[in-house]
Amino acid sequence: MENVVLEMRSVTKTFGAVKALDGVDLKVYAGEIHTICGENGAGKSTLMKVLSGAYPHTSYTGEIYVDGEKCLFTSPRDAEDKGIAMIYQEVNMHLNISVAENLFLNDWFGKHGFVNWREMYAEARKCLDEIGLNIDPRTQMRQLSTSEQQLVSIARALHRDPKILILDEPTSPLTEVESQRLFELILRLRSRGVACILITHKMHEVFTYSDRVDVLRDGRSVAAHLREETNEDEIVSEMVGRKIESYYPERHNHPGDIALEVQHAFVENPFVAGRYMVKDVSFNVRKGEIVGLAGLVGAGRSETLNAIFGKTKLSSGEIYKDGKKIHIRSTHDAISHRIALLTEDRKTDGFVPGMTIRENLTLASMKACSRHGFFDAKKEREIAEKTFQRLNIKAPSIEFNVSNLSGGNQQKVVLGKWLSRDVDVLFLDEPTRGIDVGAKTEIYKIMADLAEGGMAIVMISSEMPELVSMSDRIYVLAEGELRGELTGEEISQEGIMALISKTEG
C-alpha cells in the first residue's frame, strides 16, 4: 500500500487583500516525484514556503501532516527537523564565504570552538562529487557561476538526508547536461524512498520524470493527475485557463544587411591573469534576424555579450555596427550605438525593485523624458503607457510596484525598458528563465514581431527547444571557443550537441 508521507489540507494564505492560496490540498507519497504546475503567481512557491516553514503556522490557515503527524512549523529549522529540505528558485547562499562553509552552515566540523577544516573540506568534497560538481570546496561562493551556486545549494539540501525534498525551479539556471545530471540524482533519491516535490515550467521535465502532477491556478487546486493519464496540452490548458495552439510563433522575417559584427573577441578571466573565458570568437547578426548562442555553462556565451555591451572588459577584438568600426568601453557607449542587453538575472540588474512599472520602463530613456534640462513627467508617462500597452503587461496600472508582478511581467518590464528608447540590436540572455508557459509564448511573439520589424536579436538560451525553434542561425560555443555555426535544416538539438562535443581542431 502506498505510503503517504505528506498531506496539506485546505491551506489558505493571504497577503493583505490578496489571497495567494485558497484552500489548497496536496498529498504526496514516499518514493515519488510529485510535480506542481501553474503560471507565475498561481501559488506554487507560496505553498512550498508554507511547507518549508518560511511562513510560520500562525500566518496561514490549514493543516500540514508529515507521516500522519500534525505539524506546526514556526521556522525552516522546524521543517528541517521533520526531514523537509527546500531548494529555492533564487539562490540563497552567503557569497563571501567558501563553498564548504555554505554546505555546513550552523554545523561546522570541530570541537570546543575550533573548526576541523581538513575534515570539513573532505566531507564537502564528497557532497560535491555526489552532484558531479568539480570545484574546490575552498572557493569563495562569489566566484561561482549562478548554475554552480545552484548546484551547491542542492548539495547542501541533500547533506541533510531529507525524507521530503522540495525543488523550486531547480534547473532554471542549469544547462541541459547539468539538468540531466540533477534528475539522475533525483531518480536515485526516489529509489531510496525520498519524496521529491518539483516545481517547474519545463513541460519535458514534467512528462519525463513525474509520477503525479498537481495543477494550481489563481491560488486554487484545479486538477490532479497521474502522469500517464494526462498530456502536455491538458496541463497547459489547466494552468492558463485556455488552450494554447502553438508555443512558438510563425516567422515571416527577411534578414537584411549585417547590423553587428564581432571579430576575434577575447575576454580575460578577472580572477585568473592570463586565462581567457572567451577566445577568438567571431560572429554577426543581420537586421531582422534572431541569432542563437548555444553552449554549456562556462562556454563563454554571457561573457561574450557582456563584454560587447561594455558591462565587462573586452580584452581584444573588433566590433562593427552597420559596417563601421565602433569602440565600446562602457555600457553607455553601447547604448549610444543603439545596442541593448537584457541580462540573465532580471532581479539583480534588470529592474529596480522598489520602483513602479512607470519608473522602470523609462530608466533607460531619461533624456527623452527631459525638455530644456527639466524633467517632463507628462512625457515620461506617455512613454511608459505606450510601452505598457505594446507589451501587454498585466498590472492594474503603470504605477504598480514592479516587485509585485509575476516573473513573466517583470521580464516584459525589463524588455520594455530598452524598447522605450531607440534600439536596433538587442541581446537577450536567457529571456524566458523562470517564467511560465503562457508568459513564454508572449515573449516569443514579442521577439518575432521585433525581428519582423527589422530588429537584430542575439539570444542566449539553455533551453534547446527554445533555441532551435526561435533562431535563424545558431553559433555554438564550448570552453570559450567558437565550435561552429548551424543554419537552416542543420539547426537541431543533435546538431548543437555534436558541435559542443567536437574537440578542438
Protein backbone atom coordinates (compact mmCIF):
# COMPACT_ATOMS: atom_id res chain seq x y z
CA MET A 1 0.00 0.00 0.00
CA GLU A 2 1.27 3.49 -0.88
CA ASN A 3 2.81 5.40 1.99
CA VAL A 4 1.51 8.98 2.38
CA VAL A 5 4.47 10.99 3.67
CA LEU A 6 2.88 14.44 3.36
CA GLU A 7 -0.62 15.85 3.42
CA MET A 8 -1.58 19.53 3.25
CA ARG A 9 -5.25 20.29 3.86
CA SER A 10 -7.19 23.46 2.98
CA VAL A 11 -4.13 25.74 3.11
CA THR A 12 -5.10 29.40 2.74
CA LYS A 13 -2.57 32.24 2.77
CA THR A 14 -3.24 35.95 2.23
CA PHE A 15 -1.02 38.98 1.75
CA GLY A 16 -3.19 41.95 2.68
CA ALA A 17 -6.19 41.84 0.35
CA VAL A 18 -4.53 39.33 -1.99
CA LYS A 19 -5.38 35.65 -1.47
CA ALA A 20 -2.26 33.79 -2.63
CA LEU A 21 -3.60 30.36 -1.60
CA ASP A 22 -7.26 29.48 -1.36
CA GLY A 23 -7.97 26.14 0.30
CA VAL A 24 -5.20 24.16 -1.42
CA ASP A 25 -4.90 20.40 -0.80
CA LEU A 26 -1.81 18.31 -1.55
CA LYS A 27 -0.99 14.65 -0.94
CA VAL A 28 2.50 13.27 -1.59
CA TYR A 29 3.73 9.67 -1.33
CA ALA A 30 7.15 8.37 -0.30
CA GLY A 31 9.38 7.45 -3.22
CA GLU A 32 7.68 9.58 -5.87
CA ILE A 33 8.38 12.67 -7.92
CA HIS A 34 5.36 14.91 -7.48
CA THR A 35 5.24 17.93 -9.79
CA ILE A 36 3.28 21.11 -9.12
CA CYS A 37 2.48 23.14 -12.23
CA GLY A 38 0.98 26.60 -12.62
CA GLU A 39 1.59 30.03 -14.03
CA ASN A 40 3.70 32.60 -12.18
CA GLY A 41 1.51 33.85 -9.36
CA ALA A 42 -0.52 30.62 -9.16
CA GLY A 43 0.69 29.99 -5.59
CA LYS A 44 3.25 27.21 -6.11
CA SER A 45 6.18 28.82 -4.33
CA THR A 46 3.93 30.22 -1.60
CA LEU A 47 2.60 26.72 -0.88
CA MET A 48 6.14 25.36 -0.63
CA LYS A 49 7.23 28.20 1.67
CA VAL A 50 4.35 27.25 3.94
CA LEU A 51 5.53 23.65 3.89
CA SER A 52 9.18 24.55 4.48
CA GLY A 53 8.41 26.76 7.48
CA ALA A 54 9.40 30.01 5.77
CA TYR A 55 5.84 31.14 6.56
CA PRO A 56 5.04 30.12 10.18
CA HIS A 57 1.82 28.31 11.01
CA THR A 58 0.35 31.48 12.57
CA SER A 59 0.45 33.25 9.17
CA TYR A 60 -1.91 30.89 7.30
CA THR A 61 -4.86 28.60 7.88
CA GLY A 62 -4.95 24.89 7.10
CA GLU A 63 -3.10 21.81 8.29
CA ILE A 64 0.16 20.00 7.49
CA TYR A 65 0.75 16.32 8.29
CA VAL A 66 4.12 14.58 7.91
CA ASP A 67 3.97 10.80 8.32
CA GLY A 68 0.49 11.27 9.77
CA GLU A 69 1.64 13.70 12.48
CA LYS A 70 0.21 17.22 12.53
CA CYS A 71 2.99 19.81 12.24
CA LEU A 72 3.04 23.44 13.37
CA PHE A 73 6.22 24.87 11.89
CA THR A 74 7.43 28.20 13.26
CA SER A 75 10.63 28.33 11.19
CA PRO A 76 12.53 26.49 8.44
CA ARG A 77 14.53 24.78 11.17
CA ASP A 78 11.34 23.09 12.45
CA ALA A 79 10.64 21.77 8.95
CA GLU A 80 14.23 20.55 8.57
CA ASP A 81 13.90 18.64 11.86
CA LYS A 82 10.95 16.79 10.28
CA GLY A 83 13.03 15.85 7.26
CA ILE A 84 11.92 18.60 4.86
CA ALA A 85 14.55 20.35 2.75
CA MET A 86 13.89 23.07 0.19
CA ILE A 87 15.94 24.31 -2.74
CA TYR A 88 14.71 27.79 -3.60
CA GLN A 89 14.35 29.22 -7.09
CA GLU A 90 16.52 32.20 -6.11
CA VAL A 91 19.96 31.03 -4.99
CA ASN A 92 20.17 31.75 -1.25
CA MET A 93 23.83 31.48 -0.30
CA HIS A 94 26.42 33.52 1.61
CA LEU A 95 28.64 34.82 -1.17
CA ASN A 96 31.60 35.98 0.92
CA ILE A 97 32.46 32.61 2.47
CA SER A 98 33.65 29.35 0.95
CA VAL A 99 31.63 26.59 -0.69
CA ALA A 100 32.40 24.24 2.23
CA GLU A 101 31.25 26.80 4.81
CA ASN A 102 27.98 27.26 2.90
CA LEU A 103 27.42 23.50 2.77
CA PHE A 104 27.67 23.10 6.53
CA LEU A 105 26.24 26.36 7.89
CA ASN A 106 25.50 26.07 11.63
CA ASP A 107 27.06 22.61 11.55
CA TRP A 108 30.79 23.19 11.08
CA PHE A 109 33.13 20.35 11.99
CA GLY A 110 35.11 20.71 15.19
CA LYS A 111 35.07 20.84 18.97
CA HIS A 112 35.49 23.41 21.74
CA GLY A 113 35.07 26.35 19.37
CA PHE A 114 37.70 25.17 16.85
CA VAL A 115 36.87 24.14 13.27
CA ASN A 116 38.41 20.98 11.82
CA TRP A 117 38.96 22.42 8.37
CA ARG A 118 40.54 19.28 6.93
CA GLU A 119 37.52 17.17 7.89
CA MET A 120 35.08 19.80 6.63
CA TYR A 121 36.79 20.14 3.26
CA ALA A 122 36.94 16.35 2.86
CA GLU A 123 33.23 15.99 3.61
CA ALA A 124 32.46 18.89 1.27
CA ARG A 125 34.35 17.13 -1.50
CA LYS A 126 32.10 14.06 -1.05
CA CYS A 127 28.95 16.23 -1.24
CA LEU A 128 30.15 17.94 -4.41
CA ASP A 129 31.15 14.64 -6.02
CA GLU A 130 27.64 13.29 -5.45
CA ILE A 131 26.16 16.02 -7.65
CA GLY A 132 29.05 15.98 -10.16
CA LEU A 133 30.37 19.46 -9.36
CA ASN A 134 34.15 19.58 -9.78
CA ILE A 135 35.16 22.69 -7.86
CA ASP A 136 37.48 23.35 -4.92
CA PRO A 137 35.46 23.44 -1.65
CA ARG A 138 37.68 26.33 -0.55
CA THR A 139 36.43 28.53 -3.41
CA GLN A 140 34.52 31.64 -2.37
CA MET A 141 30.85 31.37 -3.42
CA ARG A 142 31.03 34.74 -5.16
CA GLN A 143 33.45 33.32 -7.72
CA LEU A 144 30.98 30.65 -8.88
CA SER A 145 28.53 31.00 -11.74
CA THR A 146 24.80 31.08 -10.99
CA SER A 147 24.44 27.45 -12.06
CA GLU A 148 27.34 26.35 -9.85
CA GLN A 149 25.83 28.21 -6.89
CA GLN A 150 22.54 26.40 -7.51
CA LEU A 151 24.29 23.03 -7.53
CA VAL A 152 25.97 23.88 -4.23
CA SER A 153 22.57 24.70 -2.72
CA ILE A 154 21.31 21.31 -3.93
CA ALA A 155 24.31 19.58 -2.33
CA ARG A 156 23.60 21.42 0.94
CA ALA A 157 19.99 20.18 0.95
CA LEU A 158 21.00 16.59 0.21
CA HIS A 159 23.58 16.59 3.01
CA ARG A 160 20.67 16.77 5.47
CA ASP A 161 19.35 13.44 4.16
CA PRO A 162 15.74 14.66 3.76
CA LYS A 163 12.63 12.48 3.51
CA ILE A 164 10.86 15.27 1.55
CA LEU A 165 12.91 17.32 -0.92
CA ILE A 166 11.30 20.43 -2.43
CA LEU A 167 12.86 21.73 -5.66
CA ASP A 168 11.55 25.11 -6.85
CA GLU A 169 12.62 25.57 -10.49
CA PRO A 170 15.93 23.76 -9.78
CA THR A 171 17.07 23.63 -13.41
CA SER A 172 16.28 27.28 -14.19
CA PRO A 173 19.99 28.30 -14.20
CA LEU A 174 21.30 24.92 -15.39
CA THR A 175 22.22 23.67 -18.85
CA GLU A 176 20.65 20.59 -20.41
CA VAL A 177 23.61 18.44 -19.37
CA GLU A 178 23.60 19.73 -15.79
CA SER A 179 19.81 19.32 -15.62
CA GLN A 180 20.06 15.72 -16.79
CA ARG A 181 22.70 15.03 -14.15
CA LEU A 182 20.45 16.55 -11.47
CA PHE A 183 17.49 14.39 -12.49
CA GLU A 184 19.65 11.28 -12.41
CA LEU A 185 20.35 12.20 -8.79
CA ILE A 186 16.64 12.83 -8.10
CA LEU A 187 15.77 9.42 -9.54
CA ARG A 188 18.29 7.81 -7.19
CA LEU A 189 16.68 9.64 -4.26
CA ARG A 190 13.25 8.42 -5.35
CA SER A 191 14.52 4.84 -5.42
CA ARG A 192 15.65 5.33 -1.79
CA GLY A 193 12.12 6.37 -0.78
CA VAL A 194 12.60 10.15 -0.76
CA ALA A 195 9.53 12.15 -1.81
CA CYS A 196 10.59 14.82 -4.31
CA ILE A 197 8.26 17.79 -4.88
CA LEU A 198 9.18 19.52 -8.13
CA ILE A 199 8.05 22.95 -9.30
CA THR A 200 8.92 23.51 -12.95
CA HIS A 201 7.72 25.38 -16.03
CA LYS A 202 9.50 22.94 -18.34
CA MET A 203 6.96 20.50 -19.73
CA HIS A 204 9.56 17.98 -20.87
CA GLU A 205 10.69 17.65 -17.24
CA VAL A 206 7.10 17.12 -16.10
CA PHE A 207 6.45 14.31 -18.57
CA THR A 208 9.89 12.69 -18.38
CA TYR A 209 10.24 12.42 -14.63
CA SER A 210 6.95 12.98 -12.78
CA ASP A 211 4.83 10.29 -11.15
CA ARG A 212 1.97 12.64 -10.28
CA VAL A 213 1.05 16.18 -11.33
CA ASP A 214 -1.00 18.79 -9.44
CA VAL A 215 -2.08 22.00 -11.20
CA LEU A 216 -2.66 25.32 -9.41
CA ARG A 217 -4.33 28.38 -10.92
CA ASP A 218 -5.00 31.67 -9.10
CA GLY A 219 -4.15 30.10 -5.74
CA ARG A 220 -6.53 27.15 -6.11
CA SER A 221 -6.10 23.45 -6.84
CA VAL A 222 -7.68 22.88 -10.25
CA ALA A 223 -6.52 19.36 -11.19
CA ALA A 224 -4.52 16.32 -10.08
CA HIS A 225 -3.27 13.60 -12.43
CA LEU A 226 -1.15 10.52 -12.69
CA ARG A 227 1.42 11.43 -15.32
CA GLU A 228 0.45 8.64 -17.70
CA GLU A 229 -3.21 9.71 -17.60
CA THR A 230 -2.68 13.25 -18.87
CA ASN A 231 -0.76 15.12 -21.58
CA GLU A 232 1.03 18.39 -22.13
CA ASP A 233 -1.87 20.17 -23.83
CA GLU A 234 -4.23 19.31 -20.96
CA ILE A 235 -1.79 20.50 -18.29
CA VAL A 236 -1.05 23.77 -20.10
CA SER A 237 -4.75 24.45 -20.65
CA GLU A 238 -5.45 23.86 -16.95
CA MET A 239 -2.57 26.16 -15.99
CA VAL A 240 -3.60 29.13 -18.12
CA GLY A 241 -7.36 28.55 -18.27
CA ARG A 242 -7.36 28.49 -22.05
CA LYS A 243 -5.96 26.44 -24.91
CA ILE A 244 -2.60 27.47 -26.40
CA GLU A 245 -2.42 26.40 -30.04
CA SER A 246 1.32 26.83 -30.53
CA TYR A 247 4.20 27.78 -28.24
CA TYR A 248 6.34 29.26 -30.99
CA PRO A 249 5.02 31.89 -33.45
CA GLU A 250 5.31 31.62 -37.21
CA ARG A 251 8.25 33.60 -38.50
CA HIS A 252 7.95 35.87 -41.53
CA ASN A 253 11.18 37.83 -41.25
CA HIS A 254 13.57 38.53 -44.14
CA PRO A 255 17.09 39.22 -42.80
CA GLY A 256 18.81 42.23 -44.31
CA ASP A 257 22.28 43.73 -44.03
CA ILE A 258 24.65 42.87 -41.19
CA ALA A 259 23.73 45.03 -38.21
CA LEU A 260 26.52 43.94 -35.86
CA GLU A 261 29.73 42.02 -36.44
CA VAL A 262 32.25 40.89 -33.85
CA GLN A 263 35.72 39.75 -34.91
CA HIS A 264 38.29 37.86 -32.83
CA ALA A 265 36.87 38.67 -29.39
CA PHE A 266 38.94 37.76 -26.32
CA VAL A 267 37.77 38.19 -22.72
CA GLU A 268 40.23 37.60 -19.87
CA ASN A 269 39.18 35.90 -16.65
CA PRO A 270 39.12 38.70 -14.00
CA PHE A 271 40.18 36.24 -11.28
CA VAL A 272 43.00 34.45 -13.14
CA ALA A 273 45.54 36.56 -15.01
CA GLY A 274 46.43 35.24 -18.44
CA ARG A 275 43.44 32.87 -18.65
CA TYR A 276 40.65 33.68 -21.10
CA MET A 277 36.93 32.95 -20.75
CA VAL A 278 36.37 33.90 -24.41
CA LYS A 279 39.00 33.04 -27.01
CA ASP A 280 38.90 34.33 -30.59
CA VAL A 281 35.11 34.37 -31.04
CA SER A 282 33.68 35.93 -34.20
CA PHE A 283 30.02 36.19 -35.22
CA ASN A 284 27.47 38.51 -36.82
CA VAL A 285 23.75 39.23 -36.75
CA ARG A 286 21.64 40.74 -39.53
CA LYS A 287 18.76 43.17 -39.35
CA GLY A 288 15.51 41.24 -38.88
CA GLU A 289 17.28 38.10 -37.68
CA ILE A 290 17.39 36.10 -34.44
CA VAL A 291 20.80 34.51 -33.88
CA GLY A 292 21.21 31.97 -31.08
CA LEU A 293 24.31 31.39 -28.95
CA ALA A 294 24.39 27.80 -27.70
CA GLY A 295 26.72 26.15 -25.22
CA LEU A 296 27.10 24.72 -21.75
CA VAL A 297 27.69 26.81 -18.63
CA GLY A 298 31.25 28.14 -18.86
CA ALA A 299 31.17 28.15 -22.67
CA GLY A 300 31.57 31.93 -22.74
CA ARG A 301 28.14 32.94 -24.04
CA SER A 302 27.21 35.54 -21.41
CA GLU A 303 30.83 36.66 -21.10
CA THR A 304 30.87 37.42 -24.84
CA LEU A 305 27.70 39.55 -24.82
CA ASN A 306 28.58 41.29 -21.55
CA ALA A 307 31.95 42.35 -22.97
CA ILE A 308 30.48 43.56 -26.25
CA PHE A 309 27.89 45.57 -24.30
CA GLY A 310 30.62 47.12 -22.15
CA LYS A 311 29.37 45.57 -18.93
CA THR A 312 32.75 43.83 -18.60
CA LYS A 313 36.03 44.42 -20.39
CA LEU A 314 36.68 43.18 -23.92
CA SER A 315 40.38 42.29 -23.81
CA SER A 316 40.80 42.45 -27.58
CA GLY A 317 38.76 42.19 -30.74
CA GLU A 318 36.84 44.42 -33.13
CA ILE A 319 33.18 45.43 -33.23
CA TYR A 320 31.42 46.74 -36.35
CA LYS A 321 27.98 48.37 -36.32
CA ASP A 322 26.30 48.81 -39.71
CA GLY A 323 29.66 48.25 -41.38
CA LYS A 324 31.54 50.86 -39.32
CA LYS A 325 34.08 50.03 -36.63
CA ILE A 326 32.99 51.18 -33.18
CA HIS A 327 34.66 51.27 -29.76
CA ILE A 328 32.71 50.20 -26.67
CA ARG A 329 34.37 50.80 -23.31
CA SER A 330 31.21 51.10 -21.21
CA THR A 331 27.51 50.31 -21.27
CA HIS A 332 26.93 53.99 -22.06
CA ASP A 333 28.96 53.56 -25.26
CA ALA A 334 26.89 50.50 -26.25
CA ILE A 335 23.58 52.26 -25.59
CA SER A 336 24.74 55.28 -27.61
CA HIS A 337 25.25 52.86 -30.53
CA ARG A 338 21.65 51.61 -30.05
CA ILE A 339 22.66 48.26 -28.54
CA ALA A 340 20.73 46.86 -25.55
CA LEU A 341 21.22 43.90 -23.21
CA LEU A 342 18.54 42.03 -21.27
CA THR A 343 20.61 40.25 -18.62
CA GLU A 344 20.10 36.69 -17.40
CA ASP A 345 19.22 37.74 -13.84
CA ARG A 346 16.44 40.33 -14.02
CA LYS A 347 16.27 40.73 -10.22
CA THR A 348 19.95 41.60 -9.86
CA ASP A 349 20.45 44.11 -12.65
CA GLY A 350 17.29 44.13 -14.76
CA PHE A 351 14.91 46.33 -12.76
CA VAL A 352 14.81 48.38 -9.55
CA PRO A 353 12.57 46.50 -7.07
CA GLY A 354 11.29 49.48 -5.07
CA MET A 355 10.15 51.44 -8.12
CA THR A 356 6.95 51.43 -10.15
CA ILE A 357 6.44 49.99 -13.64
CA ARG A 358 6.48 53.56 -14.99
CA GLU A 359 9.80 54.38 -13.38
CA ASN A 360 11.42 51.12 -14.51
CA LEU A 361 10.14 51.38 -18.08
CA THR A 362 11.76 54.79 -18.51
CA LEU A 363 15.05 54.10 -16.69
CA ALA A 364 16.95 53.97 -20.00
CA SER A 365 15.02 56.92 -21.50
CA MET A 366 15.72 59.78 -19.10
CA LYS A 367 16.99 62.02 -21.90
CA ALA A 368 13.75 61.53 -23.84
CA CYS A 369 11.83 62.42 -20.66
CA SER A 370 13.56 65.78 -20.33
CA ARG A 371 12.83 69.09 -22.01
CA HIS A 372 15.21 72.08 -21.89
CA GLY A 373 17.07 70.49 -18.99
CA PHE A 374 13.97 69.84 -16.90
CA PHE A 375 12.29 66.51 -16.23
CA ASP A 376 8.98 66.17 -18.10
CA ALA A 377 6.64 63.94 -16.05
CA LYS A 378 3.97 64.05 -18.75
CA LYS A 379 6.43 62.78 -21.39
CA GLU A 380 7.64 60.05 -19.04
CA ARG A 381 4.07 58.87 -18.53
CA GLU A 382 3.40 58.87 -22.30
CA ILE A 383 6.47 56.74 -22.99
CA ALA A 384 5.64 54.32 -20.16
CA GLU A 385 1.97 53.97 -21.16
CA LYS A 386 2.89 53.29 -24.78
CA THR A 387 5.33 50.50 -23.83
CA PHE A 388 2.94 49.16 -21.17
CA GLN A 389 0.21 48.72 -23.79
CA ARG A 390 2.59 47.47 -26.50
CA LEU A 391 3.90 44.60 -24.36
CA ASN A 392 0.53 43.83 -22.75
CA ILE A 393 1.98 44.00 -19.24
CA LYS A 394 -0.61 42.57 -16.85
CA ALA A 395 -0.96 45.04 -13.96
CA PRO A 396 -3.59 47.48 -12.70
CA SER A 397 -1.59 50.46 -13.98
CA ILE A 398 1.91 51.75 -14.66
CA GLU A 399 2.01 52.93 -11.02
CA PHE A 400 2.04 49.32 -9.78
CA ASN A 401 5.26 48.26 -7.98
CA VAL A 402 7.32 46.04 -10.28
CA SER A 403 8.24 43.73 -7.35
CA ASN A 404 4.61 42.61 -7.13
CA LEU A 405 4.45 41.44 -10.75
CA SER A 406 4.75 37.83 -11.90
CA GLY A 407 8.09 36.75 -13.34
CA GLY A 408 6.82 36.97 -16.91
CA ASN A 409 5.54 40.51 -16.47
CA GLN A 410 8.76 41.56 -14.73
CA GLN A 411 10.62 40.27 -17.78
CA LYS A 412 8.35 42.34 -20.03
CA VAL A 413 9.19 45.43 -17.97
CA VAL A 414 12.94 44.79 -18.36
CA LEU A 415 12.47 44.31 -22.10
CA GLY A 416 10.23 47.37 -22.26
CA LYS A 417 12.94 49.46 -20.59
CA TRP A 418 15.03 49.02 -23.73
CA LEU A 419 12.19 49.22 -26.22
CA SER A 420 11.23 52.60 -24.74
CA ARG A 421 14.32 54.04 -26.43
CA ASP A 422 15.70 53.77 -29.96
CA VAL A 423 17.42 50.34 -30.10
CA ASP A 424 18.18 48.25 -33.18
CA VAL A 425 20.45 45.49 -31.76
CA LEU A 426 19.08 43.53 -28.82
CA PHE A 427 20.99 40.96 -26.72
CA LEU A 428 18.71 38.56 -24.81
CA ASP A 429 20.42 36.43 -22.14
CA GLU A 430 18.01 33.66 -21.03
CA PRO A 431 14.90 35.73 -21.89
CA THR A 432 12.37 33.19 -20.56
CA ARG A 433 14.20 31.90 -17.48
CA GLY A 434 11.84 31.25 -14.59
CA ILE A 435 8.61 32.26 -16.34
CA ASP A 436 5.56 30.15 -17.11
CA VAL A 437 4.37 28.69 -20.40
CA GLY A 438 1.79 31.38 -21.09
CA ALA A 439 4.30 34.18 -20.50
CA LYS A 440 6.90 32.41 -22.64
CA THR A 441 4.58 32.37 -25.65
CA GLU A 442 4.07 36.12 -25.23
CA ILE A 443 7.83 36.77 -25.05
CA TYR A 444 8.34 34.64 -28.19
CA LYS A 445 5.66 36.64 -30.01
CA ILE A 446 7.33 39.91 -28.99
CA MET A 447 10.70 38.62 -30.24
CA ALA A 448 9.20 37.54 -33.56
CA ASP A 449 7.49 40.92 -34.01
CA LEU A 450 10.70 42.80 -33.22
CA ALA A 451 12.68 40.73 -35.74
CA GLU A 452 9.97 41.18 -38.37
CA GLY A 453 10.25 44.93 -37.76
CA GLY A 454 13.99 44.85 -38.51
CA MET A 455 15.50 44.39 -35.04
CA ALA A 456 18.72 42.35 -34.91
CA ILE A 457 18.49 39.93 -31.96
CA VAL A 458 21.17 37.74 -30.36
CA MET A 459 19.72 35.23 -27.89
CA ILE A 460 21.34 33.01 -25.28
CA SER A 461 19.18 30.15 -24.03
CA SER A 462 19.87 26.96 -22.10
CA GLU A 463 16.55 25.51 -23.31
CA MET A 464 17.35 23.64 -26.51
CA PRO A 465 13.77 23.59 -27.93
CA GLU A 466 13.55 27.37 -27.47
CA LEU A 467 16.90 27.94 -29.13
CA VAL A 468 16.12 25.62 -32.06
CA SER A 469 12.61 26.99 -32.64
CA MET A 470 13.36 30.72 -32.40
CA SER A 471 16.78 31.03 -34.08
CA ASP A 472 17.50 31.71 -37.76
CA ARG A 473 21.13 30.75 -37.19
CA ILE A 474 23.00 29.33 -34.19
CA TYR A 475 26.62 29.76 -33.17
CA VAL A 476 27.89 27.04 -30.82
CA LEU A 477 30.48 27.83 -28.15
CA ALA A 478 32.41 25.44 -25.91
CA GLU A 479 35.18 26.22 -23.43
CA GLY A 480 35.22 29.85 -24.59
CA GLU A 481 35.75 28.98 -28.24
CA LEU A 482 33.51 29.03 -31.30
CA ARG A 483 32.93 25.44 -32.43
CA GLY A 484 30.73 26.11 -35.43
CA GLU A 485 27.62 27.64 -36.97
CA LEU A 486 24.28 25.98 -37.78
CA THR A 487 21.86 27.23 -40.43
CA GLY A 488 18.60 26.04 -41.99
CA GLU A 489 17.97 22.32 -41.61
CA GLU A 490 21.26 21.92 -39.72
CA ILE A 491 19.61 23.55 -36.69
CA SER A 492 18.67 20.80 -34.24
CA GLN A 493 19.40 19.72 -30.68
CA GLU A 494 21.54 16.91 -32.07
CA GLY A 495 23.48 19.36 -34.23
CA ILE A 496 24.16 21.62 -31.27
CA MET A 497 25.34 18.77 -29.04
CA ALA A 498 27.56 17.40 -31.82
CA LEU A 499 29.41 20.73 -32.08
CA ILE A 500 29.65 21.10 -28.27
CA SER A 501 31.22 17.64 -28.11
CA LYS A 502 33.58 18.35 -31.00
CA THR A 503 37.21 18.53 -29.95
CA GLU A 504 39.37 21.46 -30.94
CA GLY A 505 40.83 21.19 -34.41
